[in-house]
Amino acid sequence: MRNMLAAIAVLVLLAGCVTPQGAQYREAAARTADEILAATEWGLCNAMTVGAVKRRYGHIPAKVAAFNLLCSEAPTGPFFMTKAEKQ
């Protein structure tokens, strides 16, 4: 019974993918996801304090490098080095 309900639920969810409205929903969902990603990147690169970023990522050099790369185009993004890089 449980498997049958799961199969029906999957079929109902997938039914929206083959209709003309399904394409509109997918496009709207993709646009929304793009907007959320852009807002998240802005918040990470522009709204965070340098201290908050250092506390969260500063002890892991790979994360520092990833943060700096991700935020390299942000006009106000905080760029920092790990303690080892400063020495």
N, C-alpha and C. Protein backbone atom coordinates (compact mmCIF):
# COMPACT_ATOMS: atom_id res chain seq x y z
N MET A 1 0.82 -1.19 0.00
CA MET A 1 0.00 0.00 0.00
C MET A 1 0.87 1.26 0.00
N ARG A 2 1.91 1.24 0.83
CA ARG A 2 2.79 2.40 0.93
C ARG A 2 3.50 2.67 -0.39
N ASN A 3 3.98 1.59 -1.03
CA ASN A 3 4.66 1.73 -2.32
C ASN A 3 3.71 2.26 -3.39
N MET A 4 2.47 1.81 -3.33
CA MET A 4 1.49 2.25 -4.32
C MET A 4 1.21 3.75 -4.16
N LEU A 5 1.08 4.22 -2.92
CA LEU A 5 0.86 5.64 -2.68
C LEU A 5 2.07 6.46 -3.13
N ALA A 6 3.25 5.95 -2.89
CA ALA A 6 4.46 6.65 -3.33
C ALA A 6 4.50 6.73 -4.85
N ALA A 7 4.17 5.65 -5.53
CA ALA A 7 4.15 5.64 -6.99
C ALA A 7 3.12 6.63 -7.54
N ILE A 8 1.96 6.68 -6.94
CA ILE A 8 0.94 7.63 -7.37
C ILE A 8 1.40 9.06 -7.16
N ALA A 9 2.03 9.31 -6.02
CA ALA A 9 2.53 10.66 -5.73
C ALA A 9 3.57 11.07 -6.77
N VAL A 10 4.46 10.17 -7.13
CA VAL A 10 5.48 10.48 -8.13
C VAL A 10 4.84 10.76 -9.48
N LEU A 11 3.85 9.97 -9.87
CA LEU A 11 3.17 10.19 -11.14
C LEU A 11 2.45 11.53 -11.17
N VAL A 12 1.82 11.89 -10.07
CA VAL A 12 1.12 13.17 -10.00
C VAL A 12 2.13 14.31 -10.12
N LEU A 13 3.25 14.20 -9.42
CA LEU A 13 4.27 15.26 -9.49
C LEU A 13 4.87 15.37 -10.89
N LEU A 14 5.11 14.24 -11.52
CA LEU A 14 5.71 14.27 -12.86
C LEU A 14 4.72 14.69 -13.93
N ALA A 15 3.45 14.57 -13.67
CA ALA A 15 2.44 14.94 -14.67
C ALA A 15 2.55 16.42 -15.03
N GLY A 16 2.94 17.24 -14.09
CA GLY A 16 3.10 18.66 -14.38
C GLY A 16 4.27 18.97 -15.28
N CYS A 17 5.18 18.03 -15.43
CA CYS A 17 6.37 18.27 -16.25
C CYS A 17 6.10 18.17 -17.74
N VAL A 18 5.03 17.55 -18.13
CA VAL A 18 4.78 17.33 -19.56
C VAL A 18 3.70 18.25 -20.12
N THR A 19 3.18 19.12 -19.32
CA THR A 19 2.15 20.04 -19.79
C THR A 19 2.79 21.37 -20.16
N PRO A 20 2.11 22.19 -20.97
CA PRO A 20 2.65 23.51 -21.30
C PRO A 20 2.85 24.36 -20.04
N GLN A 21 1.96 24.22 -19.07
CA GLN A 21 2.11 24.96 -17.83
C GLN A 21 3.33 24.48 -17.06
N GLY A 22 3.68 23.21 -17.21
CA GLY A 22 4.86 22.67 -16.52
C GLY A 22 6.12 23.40 -16.94
N ALA A 23 6.23 23.74 -18.23
CA ALA A 23 7.40 24.48 -18.71
C ALA A 23 7.45 25.88 -18.09
N GLN A 24 6.30 26.51 -17.96
CA GLN A 24 6.25 27.83 -17.33
C GLN A 24 6.66 27.74 -15.87
N TYR A 25 6.20 26.71 -15.18
CA TYR A 25 6.55 26.54 -13.77
C TYR A 25 8.05 26.29 -13.62
N ARG A 26 8.62 25.48 -14.51
CA ARG A 26 10.07 25.21 -14.44
C ARG A 26 10.87 26.47 -14.69
N GLU A 27 10.45 27.27 -15.67
CA GLU A 27 11.16 28.52 -15.96
C GLU A 27 11.06 29.49 -14.79
N ALA A 28 9.88 29.59 -14.20
CA ALA A 28 9.70 30.48 -13.04
C ALA A 28 10.54 29.98 -11.86
N ALA A 29 10.58 28.68 -11.66
CA ALA A 29 11.39 28.12 -10.57
C ALA A 29 12.87 28.38 -10.81
N ALA A 30 13.31 28.26 -12.05
CA ALA A 30 14.72 28.51 -12.37
C ALA A 30 15.07 29.98 -12.14
N ARG A 31 14.19 30.89 -12.55
CA ARG A 31 14.43 32.32 -12.31
C ARG A 31 14.49 32.62 -10.82
N THR A 32 13.59 32.03 -10.08
CA THR A 32 13.57 32.23 -8.63
C THR A 32 14.85 31.70 -7.99
N ALA A 33 15.28 30.53 -8.42
CA ALA A 33 16.53 29.97 -7.88
C ALA A 33 17.72 30.87 -8.21
N ASP A 34 17.75 31.42 -9.43
CA ASP A 34 18.83 32.34 -9.81
C ASP A 34 18.82 33.59 -8.94
N GLU A 35 17.63 34.12 -8.67
CA GLU A 35 17.52 35.31 -7.82
C GLU A 35 17.96 35.02 -6.39
N ILE A 36 17.59 33.87 -5.88
CA ILE A 36 17.99 33.48 -4.52
C ILE A 36 19.50 33.34 -4.44
N LEU A 37 20.10 32.71 -5.44
CA LEU A 37 21.56 32.55 -5.46
C LEU A 37 22.25 33.91 -5.50
N ALA A 38 21.77 34.81 -6.34
CA ALA A 38 22.37 36.15 -6.43
C ALA A 38 22.24 36.89 -5.10
N ALA A 39 21.10 36.79 -4.45
CA ALA A 39 20.91 37.45 -3.16
C ALA A 39 21.80 36.84 -2.09
N THR A 40 21.97 35.54 -2.13
CA THR A 40 22.84 34.87 -1.17
C THR A 40 24.29 35.28 -1.37
N GLU A 41 24.74 35.33 -2.62
CA GLU A 41 26.11 35.78 -2.90
C GLU A 41 26.31 37.22 -2.46
N TRP A 42 25.32 38.08 -2.71
CA TRP A 42 25.44 39.47 -2.29
C TRP A 42 25.58 39.53 -0.77
N GLY A 43 24.74 38.79 -0.07
CA GLY A 43 24.80 38.79 1.38
C GLY A 43 26.12 38.28 1.91
N LEU A 44 26.63 37.23 1.31
CA LEU A 44 27.91 36.67 1.75
C LEU A 44 29.05 37.64 1.48
N CYS A 45 29.07 38.24 0.31
CA CYS A 45 30.21 39.07 -0.10
C CYS A 45 30.11 40.51 0.36
N ASN A 46 28.92 41.03 0.59
CA ASN A 46 28.76 42.45 0.89
C ASN A 46 28.18 42.75 2.27
N ALA A 47 27.40 41.86 2.83
CA ALA A 47 26.72 42.18 4.08
C ALA A 47 27.44 41.62 5.31
N MET A 48 28.31 40.65 5.11
CA MET A 48 29.01 40.06 6.25
C MET A 48 30.17 40.94 6.70
N THR A 49 30.42 40.95 7.99
CA THR A 49 31.59 41.67 8.48
C THR A 49 32.83 40.81 8.28
N VAL A 50 33.97 41.46 8.20
CA VAL A 50 35.22 40.73 8.04
C VAL A 50 35.43 39.78 9.21
N GLY A 51 35.10 40.25 10.41
CA GLY A 51 35.27 39.40 11.60
C GLY A 51 34.42 38.14 11.54
N ALA A 52 33.19 38.26 11.09
CA ALA A 52 32.31 37.09 10.99
C ALA A 52 32.85 36.09 9.98
N VAL A 53 33.34 36.60 8.87
CA VAL A 53 33.89 35.71 7.85
C VAL A 53 35.16 35.03 8.37
N LYS A 54 36.03 35.78 9.04
CA LYS A 54 37.26 35.20 9.59
C LYS A 54 36.95 34.13 10.63
N ARG A 55 35.99 34.38 11.49
CA ARG A 55 35.64 33.38 12.50
C ARG A 55 35.10 32.11 11.86
N ARG A 56 34.33 32.28 10.80
CA ARG A 56 33.70 31.11 10.17
C ARG A 56 34.67 30.34 9.26
N TYR A 57 35.45 31.05 8.46
CA TYR A 57 36.27 30.39 7.43
C TYR A 57 37.77 30.58 7.60
N GLY A 58 38.19 31.50 8.44
CA GLY A 58 39.59 31.91 8.50
C GLY A 58 40.59 30.84 8.87
N HIS A 59 40.19 29.80 9.56
CA HIS A 59 41.13 28.77 9.99
C HIS A 59 41.34 27.68 8.94
N ILE A 60 40.65 27.77 7.83
CA ILE A 60 40.79 26.76 6.77
C ILE A 60 41.22 27.47 5.48
N PRO A 61 42.51 27.35 5.10
CA PRO A 61 43.01 28.08 3.93
C PRO A 61 42.21 27.85 2.66
N ALA A 62 41.74 26.65 2.42
CA ALA A 62 40.97 26.38 1.20
C ALA A 62 39.67 27.17 1.19
N LYS A 63 39.04 27.33 2.34
CA LYS A 63 37.79 28.10 2.41
C LYS A 63 38.07 29.59 2.24
N VAL A 64 39.19 30.06 2.77
CA VAL A 64 39.57 31.45 2.57
C VAL A 64 39.75 31.72 1.08
N ALA A 65 40.47 30.82 0.40
CA ALA A 65 40.70 30.99 -1.04
C ALA A 65 39.38 30.93 -1.80
N ALA A 66 38.49 30.02 -1.43
CA ALA A 66 37.19 29.92 -2.10
C ALA A 66 36.35 31.17 -1.88
N PHE A 67 36.36 31.68 -0.65
CA PHE A 67 35.62 32.90 -0.34
C PHE A 67 36.16 34.06 -1.16
N ASN A 68 37.48 34.21 -1.19
CA ASN A 68 38.08 35.31 -1.95
C ASN A 68 37.78 35.19 -3.43
N LEU A 69 37.79 33.98 -3.96
CA LEU A 69 37.47 33.78 -5.38
C LEU A 69 36.01 34.10 -5.66
N LEU A 70 35.11 33.62 -4.81
CA LEU A 70 33.68 33.86 -5.00
C LEU A 70 33.36 35.35 -4.93
N CYS A 71 34.01 36.05 -4.02
CA CYS A 71 33.70 37.46 -3.79
C CYS A 71 34.66 38.41 -4.51
N SER A 72 35.45 37.91 -5.43
CA SER A 72 36.46 38.75 -6.09
C SER A 72 35.85 39.89 -6.90
N GLU A 73 34.64 39.74 -7.38
CA GLU A 73 34.00 40.79 -8.18
C GLU A 73 33.12 41.72 -7.35
N ALA A 74 32.97 41.43 -6.07
CA ALA A 74 32.14 42.28 -5.21
C ALA A 74 32.91 43.56 -4.88
N PRO A 75 32.28 44.72 -5.09
CA PRO A 75 32.99 45.98 -4.85
C PRO A 75 33.35 46.20 -3.39
N THR A 76 32.58 45.64 -2.48
CA THR A 76 32.85 45.86 -1.06
C THR A 76 33.16 44.58 -0.32
N GLY A 77 33.40 43.50 -1.03
CA GLY A 77 33.64 42.22 -0.38
C GLY A 77 34.90 42.22 0.45
N PRO A 78 34.86 41.65 1.65
CA PRO A 78 36.06 41.59 2.48
C PRO A 78 37.00 40.49 1.99
N PHE A 79 38.23 40.85 1.74
CA PHE A 79 39.24 39.88 1.35
C PHE A 79 40.21 39.76 2.50
N PHE A 80 40.62 38.57 2.80
CA PHE A 80 41.51 38.38 3.93
C PHE A 80 42.43 37.20 3.69
N MET A 81 43.44 37.12 4.51
CA MET A 81 44.41 36.02 4.44
C MET A 81 44.33 35.22 5.74
N THR A 82 44.77 33.98 5.67
CA THR A 82 44.85 33.18 6.88
C THR A 82 46.06 33.65 7.69
N LYS A 83 46.14 33.23 8.93
CA LYS A 83 47.28 33.61 9.78
C LYS A 83 48.60 33.15 9.17
N ALA A 84 48.60 31.96 8.57
CA ALA A 84 49.82 31.42 7.96
C ALA A 84 50.26 32.28 6.78
N GLU A 85 49.31 32.82 6.01
CA GLU A 85 49.66 33.64 4.86
C GLU A 85 50.22 34.99 5.28
N LYS A 86 49.81 35.49 6.44
CA LYS A 86 50.30 36.79 6.91
C LYS A 86 51.75 36.73 7.35
N GLN A 87 52.21 35.57 7.77
CA GLN A 87 53.57 35.45 8.28
C GLN A 87 54.59 35.28 7.21
